PDB file of N, CA and C in Angstrom:
ATOM      1  N   MET A   1     125.018  62.001 157.561  1.00  0.00           N
ATOM      2  CA  MET A   1     123.744  61.340 157.382  1.00  0.00           C
ATOM      3  C   MET A   1     123.918  59.845 157.593  1.00  0.00           C
ATOM      4  N   ARG A   2     122.880  59.258 158.084  1.00  0.00           N
ATOM      5  CA  ARG A   2     122.848  57.818 158.309  1.00  0.00           C
ATOM      6  C   ARG A   2     121.689  57.245 157.493  1.00  0.00           C
ATOM      7  N   PRO A   3     121.668  55.921 157.266  1.00  0.00           N
ATOM      8  CA  PRO A   3     120.510  55.340 156.584  1.00  0.00           C
ATOM      9  C   PRO A   3     119.234  55.677 157.356  1.00  0.00           C
ATOM     10  N   LEU A   4     118.175  55.944 156.628  1.00  0.00           N
ATOM     11  CA  LEU A   4     116.909  56.328 157.244  1.00  0.00           C
ATOM     12  C   LEU A   4     116.147  55.085 157.686  1.00  0.00           C
ATOM     13  N   ASP A   5     115.492  55.171 158.836  1.00  0.00           N
ATOM     14  CA  ASP A   5     114.762  54.045 159.414  1.00  0.00           C
ATOM     15  C   ASP A   5     113.259  54.291 159.397  1.00  0.00           C
ATOM     16  N   GLY A   6     112.508  53.209 159.498  1.00  0.00           N
ATOM     17  CA  GLY A   6     111.055  53.293 159.683  1.00  0.00           C
ATOM     18  C   GLY A   6     110.378  54.174 158.661  1.00  0.00           C
ATOM     19  N   GLU A   7     109.686  55.197 159.139  1.00  0.00           N
ATOM     20  CA  GLU A   7     108.936  56.122 158.290  1.00  0.00           C
ATOM     21  C   GLU A   7     109.794  57.287 157.782  1.00  0.00           C
ATOM     22  N   GLU A   8     111.049  57.390 158.228  1.00  0.00           N
ATOM     23  CA  GLU A   8     111.903  58.518 157.850  1.00  0.00           C
ATOM     24  C   GLU A   8     112.068  58.687 156.342  1.00  0.00           C
ATOM     25  N   PRO A   9     112.285  57.600 155.544  1.00  0.00           N
ATOM     26  CA  PRO A   9     112.414  57.804 154.098  1.00  0.00           C
ATOM     27  C   PRO A   9     111.162  58.433 153.488  1.00  0.00           C
ATOM     28  N   ILE A  10     110.003  57.993 153.922  1.00  0.00           N
ATOM     29  CA  ILE A  10     108.744  58.519 153.395  1.00  0.00           C
ATOM     30  C   ILE A  10     108.549  59.968 153.837  1.00  0.00           C
ATOM     31  N   ASP A  11     108.893  60.269 155.092  1.00  0.00           N
ATOM     32  CA  ASP A  11     108.769  61.638 155.591  1.00  0.00           C
ATOM     33  C   ASP A  11     109.665  62.590 154.810  1.00  0.00           C
ATOM     34  N   LEU A  12     110.924  62.197 154.592  1.00  0.00           N
ATOM     35  CA  LEU A  12     111.844  63.054 153.830  1.00  0.00           C
ATOM     36  C   LEU A  12     111.365  63.196 152.396  1.00  0.00           C
ATOM     37  N   TYR A  13     110.922  62.102 151.786  1.00  0.00           N
ATOM     38  CA  TYR A  13     110.387  62.178 150.426  1.00  0.00           C
ATOM     39  C   TYR A  13     109.210  63.153 150.358  1.00  0.00           C
ATOM     40  N   GLU A  14     108.332  63.121 151.342  1.00  0.00           N
ATOM     41  CA  GLU A  14     107.171  64.018 151.355  1.00  0.00           C
ATOM     42  C   GLU A  14     107.589  65.485 151.420  1.00  0.00           C
ATOM     43  N   VAL A  15     108.605  65.789 152.213  1.00  0.00           N
ATOM     44  CA  VAL A  15     109.109  67.168 152.270  1.00  0.00           C
ATOM     45  C   VAL A  15     109.626  67.582 150.899  1.00  0.00           C
ATOM     46  N   ILE A  16     110.422  66.717 150.287  1.00  0.00           N
ATOM     47  CA  ILE A  16     110.976  67.019 148.960  1.00  0.00           C
ATOM     48  C   ILE A  16     109.851  67.147 147.943  1.00  0.00           C
ATOM     49  N   ARG A  17     108.895  66.224 147.965  1.00  0.00           N
ATOM     50  CA  ARG A  17     107.777  66.236 147.006  1.00  0.00           C
ATOM     51  C   ARG A  17     106.944  67.512 147.132  1.00  0.00           C
ATOM     52  N   GLN A  18     106.660  67.918 148.363  1.00  0.00           N
ATOM     53  CA  GLN A  18     105.819  69.093 148.561  1.00  0.00           C
ATOM     54  C   GLN A  18     106.521  70.387 148.153  1.00  0.00           C
ATOM     55  N   ARG A  19     107.839  70.431 148.232  1.00  0.00           N
ATOM     56  CA  ARG A  19     108.598  71.615 147.843  1.00  0.00           C
ATOM     57  C   ARG A  19     108.915  71.625 146.348  1.00  0.00           C
ATOM     58  N   TYR A  20     108.850  70.464 145.691  1.00  0.00           N
ATOM     59  CA  TYR A  20     109.254  70.312 144.291  1.00  0.00           C
ATOM     60  C   TYR A  20     108.500  71.282 143.388  1.00  0.00           C
ATOM     61  N   GLU A  21     109.254  72.115 142.705  1.00  0.00           N
ATOM     62  CA  GLU A  21     108.756  73.128 141.767  1.00  0.00           C
ATOM     63  C   GLU A  21     107.773  74.112 142.393  1.00  0.00           C
ATOM     64  N   ARG A  22     107.767  74.227 143.714  1.00  0.00           N
ATOM     65  CA  ARG A  22     106.905  75.200 144.397  1.00  0.00           C
ATOM     66  C   ARG A  22     107.716  76.265 145.123  1.00  0.00           C
ATOM     67  N   GLY A  23     108.937  75.938 145.458  1.00  0.00           N
ATOM     68  CA  GLY A  23     109.768  76.890 146.184  1.00  0.00           C
ATOM     69  C   GLY A  23     111.177  76.371 146.327  1.00  0.00           C
ATOM     70  N   ALA A  24     112.034  77.246 146.785  1.00  0.00           N
ATOM     71  CA  ALA A  24     113.449  76.897 146.939  1.00  0.00           C
ATOM     72  C   ALA A  24     113.671  76.006 148.149  1.00  0.00           C
ATOM     73  N   MET A  25     114.710  75.210 148.059  1.00  0.00           N
ATOM     74  CA  MET A  25     115.107  74.375 149.178  1.00  0.00           C
ATOM     75  C   MET A  25     116.630  74.302 149.161  1.00  0.00           C
ATOM     76  N   ILE A  26     117.227  74.455 150.318  1.00  0.00           N
ATOM     77  CA  ILE A  26     118.671  74.312 150.454  1.00  0.00           C
ATOM     78  C   ILE A  26     118.924  73.078 151.302  1.00  0.00           C
ATOM     79  N   VAL A  27     119.761  72.190 150.781  1.00  0.00           N
ATOM     80  CA  VAL A  27     120.096  70.959 151.479  1.00  0.00           C
ATOM     81  C   VAL A  27     121.610  70.911 151.604  1.00  0.00           C
ATOM     82  N   THR A  28     122.092  70.628 152.790  1.00  0.00           N
ATOM     83  CA  THR A  28     123.530  70.469 152.983  1.00  0.00           C
ATOM     84  C   THR A  28     123.801  69.061 153.505  1.00  0.00           C
ATOM     85  N   SER A  29     124.981  68.554 153.182  1.00  0.00           N
ATOM     86  CA  SER A  29     125.336  67.218 153.621  1.00  0.00           C
ATOM     87  C   SER A  29     126.850  67.072 153.620  1.00  0.00           C
ATOM     88  N   ASN A  30     127.320  66.164 154.440  1.00  0.00           N
ATOM     89  CA  ASN A  30     128.736  65.843 154.419  1.00  0.00           C
ATOM     90  C   ASN A  30     129.007  64.629 153.535  1.00  0.00           C
ATOM     91  N   ARG A  31     128.015  64.218 152.770  1.00  0.00           N
ATOM     92  CA  ARG A  31     128.154  63.085 151.853  1.00  0.00           C
ATOM     93  C   ARG A  31     128.007  63.554 150.410  1.00  0.00           C
ATOM     94  N   ALA A  32     128.667  62.832 149.506  1.00  0.00           N
ATOM     95  CA  ALA A  32     128.526  63.096 148.074  1.00  0.00           C
ATOM     96  C   ALA A  32     127.118  62.695 147.637  1.00  0.00           C
ATOM     97  N   ILE A  33     126.611  63.348 146.611  1.00  0.00           N
ATOM     98  CA  ILE A  33     125.257  63.062 146.114  1.00  0.00           C
ATOM     99  C   ILE A  33     125.084  61.584 145.779  1.00  0.00           C
ATOM    100  N   GLU A  34     126.131  60.962 145.250  1.00  0.00           N
ATOM    101  CA  GLU A  34     126.053  59.548 144.887  1.00  0.00           C
ATOM    102  C   GLU A  34     125.781  58.657 146.103  1.00  0.00           C
ATOM    103  N   GLU A  35     126.080  59.136 147.282  1.00  0.00           N
ATOM    104  CA  GLU A  35     125.876  58.354 148.502  1.00  0.00           C
ATOM    105  C   GLU A  35     124.473  58.521 149.078  1.00  0.00           C
ATOM    106  N   TRP A  36     123.680  59.452 148.599  1.00  0.00           N
ATOM    107  CA  TRP A  36     122.365  59.735 149.182  1.00  0.00           C
ATOM    108  C   TRP A  36     121.336  58.659 148.877  1.00  0.00           C
ATOM    109  N   HIS A  37     121.274  58.207 147.630  1.00  0.00           N
ATOM    110  CA  HIS A  37     120.228  57.273 147.190  1.00  0.00           C
ATOM    111  C   HIS A  37     120.118  56.052 148.106  1.00  0.00           C
ATOM    112  N   PRO A  38     121.222  55.369 148.435  1.00  0.00           N
ATOM    113  CA  PRO A  38     121.105  54.182 149.301  1.00  0.00           C
ATOM    114  C   PRO A  38     120.622  54.487 150.721  1.00  0.00           C
ATOM    115  N   LEU A  39     120.722  55.721 151.168  1.00  0.00           N
ATOM    116  CA  LEU A  39     120.293  56.061 152.520  1.00  0.00           C
ATOM    117  C   LEU A  39     118.786  55.905 152.704  1.00  0.00           C
ATOM    118  N   PHE A  40     118.034  55.938 151.595  1.00  0.00           N
ATOM    119  CA  PHE A  40     116.582  55.791 151.669  1.00  0.00           C
ATOM    120  C   PHE A  40     116.157  54.346 151.923  1.00  0.00           C
ATOM    121  N   LEU A  41     117.020  53.390 151.646  1.00  0.00           N
ATOM    122  CA  LEU A  41     116.775  51.958 151.856  1.00  0.00           C
ATOM    123  C   LEU A  41     115.624  51.397 151.015  1.00  0.00           C
ATOM    124  N   ASP A  42     114.994  52.212 150.222  1.00  0.00           N
ATOM    125  CA  ASP A  42     113.918  51.782 149.322  1.00  0.00           C
ATOM    126  C   ASP A  42     114.239  52.391 147.968  1.00  0.00           C
ATOM    127  N   GLU A  43     114.497  51.544 146.993  1.00  0.00           N
ATOM    128  CA  GLU A  43     114.956  52.020 145.684  1.00  0.00           C
ATOM    129  C   GLU A  43     113.966  52.975 145.023  1.00  0.00           C
ATOM    130  N   LEU A  44     112.688  52.675 145.091  1.00  0.00           N
ATOM    131  CA  LEU A  44     111.679  53.517 144.451  1.00  0.00           C
ATOM    132  C   LEU A  44     111.588  54.895 145.115  1.00  0.00           C
ATOM    133  N   ILE A  45     111.507  54.924 146.436  1.00  0.00           N
ATOM    134  CA  ILE A  45     111.442  56.198 147.166  1.00  0.00           C
ATOM    135  C   ILE A  45     112.731  56.983 146.953  1.00  0.00           C
ATOM    136  N   GLY A  46     113.875  56.298 147.024  1.00  0.00           N
ATOM    137  CA  GLY A  46     115.164  56.959 146.829  1.00  0.00           C
ATOM    138  C   GLY A  46     115.288  57.582 145.448  1.00  0.00           C
ATOM    139  N   SER A  47     114.885  56.848 144.411  1.00  0.00           N
ATOM    140  CA  SER A  47     114.947  57.374 143.046  1.00  0.00           C
ATOM    141  C   SER A  47     114.027  58.565 142.860  1.00  0.00           C
ATOM    142  N   ALA A  48     112.805  58.453 143.364  1.00  0.00           N
ATOM    143  CA  ALA A  48     111.839  59.546 143.218  1.00  0.00           C
ATOM    144  C   ALA A  48     112.311  60.791 143.958  1.00  0.00           C
ATOM    145  N   ALA A  49     112.823  60.608 145.167  1.00  0.00           N
ATOM    146  CA  ALA A  49     113.298  61.749 145.954  1.00  0.00           C
ATOM    147  C   ALA A  49     114.478  62.425 145.268  1.00  0.00           C
ATOM    148  N   MET A  50     115.444  61.634 144.822  1.00  0.00           N
ATOM    149  CA  MET A  50     116.631  62.209 144.200  1.00  0.00           C
ATOM    150  C   MET A  50     116.301  62.872 142.859  1.00  0.00           C
ATOM    151  N   ASP A  51     115.390  62.287 142.089  1.00  0.00           N
ATOM    152  CA  ASP A  51     114.976  62.911 140.827  1.00  0.00           C
ATOM    153  C   ASP A  51     114.400  64.301 141.076  1.00  0.00           C
ATOM    154  N   ARG A  52     113.523  64.421 142.043  1.00  0.00           N
ATOM    155  CA  ARG A  52     112.903  65.713 142.348  1.00  0.00           C
ATOM    156  C   ARG A  52     113.895  66.688 142.969  1.00  0.00           C
ATOM    157  N   LEU A  53     114.737  66.177 143.835  1.00  0.00           N
ATOM    158  CA  LEU A  53     115.699  67.035 144.515  1.00  0.00           C
ATOM    159  C   LEU A  53     116.723  67.614 143.540  1.00  0.00           C
ATOM    160  N   LEU A  54     117.161  66.821 142.571  1.00  0.00           N
ATOM    161  CA  LEU A  54     118.219  67.265 141.664  1.00  0.00           C
ATOM    162  C   LEU A  54     117.711  67.954 140.403  1.00  0.00           C
ATOM    163  N   HIS A  55     116.418  67.834 140.099  1.00  0.00           N
ATOM    164  CA  HIS A  55     115.862  68.517 138.933  1.00  0.00           C
ATOM    165  C   HIS A  55     115.896  70.023 139.194  1.00  0.00           C
ATOM    166  N   HIS A  56     116.470  70.778 138.332  1.00  0.00           N
ATOM    167  CA  HIS A  56     116.657  72.233 138.467  1.00  0.00           C
ATOM    168  C   HIS A  56     117.666  72.607 139.557  1.00  0.00           C
ATOM    169  N   ALA A  57     118.405  71.637 140.086  1.00  0.00           N
ATOM    170  CA  ALA A  57     119.307  71.919 141.210  1.00  0.00           C
ATOM    171  C   ALA A  57     120.589  72.605 140.756  1.00  0.00           C
ATOM    172  N   HIS A  58     121.132  73.389 141.640  1.00  0.00           N
ATOM    173  CA  HIS A  58     122.474  73.946 141.506  1.00  0.00           C
ATOM    174  C   HIS A  58     123.285  73.297 142.615  1.00  0.00           C
ATOM    175  N   VAL A  59     124.167  72.395 142.235  1.00  0.00           N
ATOM    176  CA  VAL A  59     124.957  71.667 143.220  1.00  0.00           C
ATOM    177  C   VAL A  59     126.274  72.413 143.422  1.00  0.00           C
ATOM    178  N   VAL A  60     126.568  72.735 144.661  1.00  0.00           N
ATOM    179  CA  VAL A  60     127.803  73.415 145.017  1.00  0.00           C
ATOM    180  C   VAL A  60     128.601  72.476 145.910  1.00  0.00           C
ATOM    181  N   VAL A  61     129.788  72.115 145.455  1.00  0.00           N
ATOM    182  CA  VAL A  61     130.651  71.233 146.226  1.00  0.00           C
ATOM    183  C   VAL A  61     131.752  72.087 146.837  1.00  0.00           C
ATOM    184  N   VAL A  62     131.844  72.049 148.141  1.00  0.00           N
ATOM    185  CA  VAL A  62     132.869  72.792 148.860  1.00  0.00           C
ATOM    186  C   VAL A  62     133.934  71.797 149.290  1.00  0.00           C
ATOM    187  N   GLU A  63     135.147  72.033 148.854  1.00  0.00           N
ATOM    188  CA  GLU A  63     136.242  71.141 149.218  1.00  0.00           C
ATOM    189  C   GLU A  63     137.233  71.879 150.089  1.00  0.00           C
ATOM    190  N   GLY A  64     137.909  71.144 150.899  1.00  0.00           N
ATOM    191  CA  GLY A  64     138.904  71.741 151.771  1.00  0.00           C
ATOM    192  C   GLY A  64     138.852  71.111 153.136  1.00  0.00           C
ATOM    193  N   HIS A  65     139.628  71.658 154.024  1.00  0.00           N
ATOM    194  CA  HIS A  65     139.695  71.133 155.382  1.00  0.00           C
ATOM    195  C   HIS A  65     138.463  71.541 156.174  1.00  0.00           C
ATOM    196  N   SER A  66     138.045  70.670 157.056  1.00  0.00           N
ATOM    197  CA  SER A  66     136.919  70.952 157.933  1.00  0.00           C
ATOM    198  C   SER A  66     137.411  71.707 159.155  1.00  0.00           C
ATOM    199  N   TYR A  67     136.820  72.854 159.415  1.00  0.00           N
ATOM    200  CA  TYR A  67     137.189  73.610 160.604  1.00  0.00           C
ATOM    201  C   TYR A  67     136.717  72.900 161.869  1.00  0.00           C
ATOM    202  N   GLY A  68     135.697  72.084 161.746  1.00  0.00           N
ATOM    203  CA  GLY A  68     135.206  71.337 162.895  1.00  0.00           C
ATOM    204  C   GLY A  68     136.178  70.255 163.351  1.00  0.00           C
ATOM    205  N   LYS A  69     137.064  69.840 162.465  1.00  0.00           N
ATOM    206  CA  LYS A  69     138.031  68.813 162.802  1.00  0.00           C
ATOM    207  C   LYS A  69     139.430  69.389 162.982  1.00  0.00           C
ATOM    208  N   ALA A  70     139.552  70.686 162.924  1.00  0.00           N
ATOM    209  CA  ALA A  70     140.862  71.318 163.047  1.00  0.00           C
ATOM    210  C   ALA A  70     141.409  71.130 164.450  1.00  0.00           C
ATOM    211  N   PRO A  71     142.720  70.938 164.572  1.00  0.00           N
ATOM    212  CA  PRO A  71     143.317  70.818 165.901  1.00  0.00           C
ATOM    213  C   PRO A  71     142.980  72.053 166.738  1.00  0.00           C
ATOM    214  N   GLY A  72     142.552  71.822 167.939  1.00  0.00           N
ATOM    215  CA  GLY A  72     142.215  72.923 168.820  1.00  0.00           C
ATOM    216  C   GLY A  72     140.845  73.506 168.604  1.00  0.00           C
ATOM    217  N   ALA A  73     140.068  72.921 167.648  1.00  0.00           N
ATOM    218  CA  ALA A  73     138.716  73.439 167.384  1.00  0.00           C
ATOM    219  C   ALA A  73     137.825  73.153 168.582  1.00  0.00           C
ATOM    220  N   ARG A  74     136.984  74.119 168.910  1.00  0.00           N
ATOM    221  CA  ARG A  74     136.063  73.946 170.026  1.00  0.00           C
ATOM    222  C   ARG A  74     134.917  73.056 169.622  1.00  0.00           C
ATOM    223  N   LYS A  75     134.477  72.258 170.558  1.00  0.00           N
ATOM    224  CA  LYS A  75     133.316  71.409 170.327  1.00  0.00           C
ATOM    225  C   LYS A  75     132.071  72.169 170.754  1.00  0.00           C
ATOM    226  N   ALA A  76     130.990  71.983 169.977  1.00  0.00           N
ATOM    227  CA  ALA A  76     129.711  72.622 170.329  1.00  0.00           C
ATOM    228  C   ALA A  76     129.188  71.997 171.617  1.00  0.00           C
ATOM    229  N   SER A  77     128.636  72.836 172.475  1.00  0.00           N
ATOM    230  CA  SER A  77     128.090  72.298 173.714  1.00  0.00           C
ATOM    231  C   SER A  77     126.607  72.106 173.633  1.00  0.00           C
TER     232      SER A  77
END
């Protein structure tokens, strides 16, 4: 993930807000949760999004080697 630009923080917040307590959502990232908040570039939007995203959340952290970076791993075309 990279820092969000322009309307992207608001768009992502809207997706999270509309799904909040209405249905399941699965989010994957190669960043730790602590690194997500600053990506919104707006403290208020970032806090609101993370509060809703993490409320009732089951966080699963997968550790280990990345198969995508393994020697000889094929690159997606």
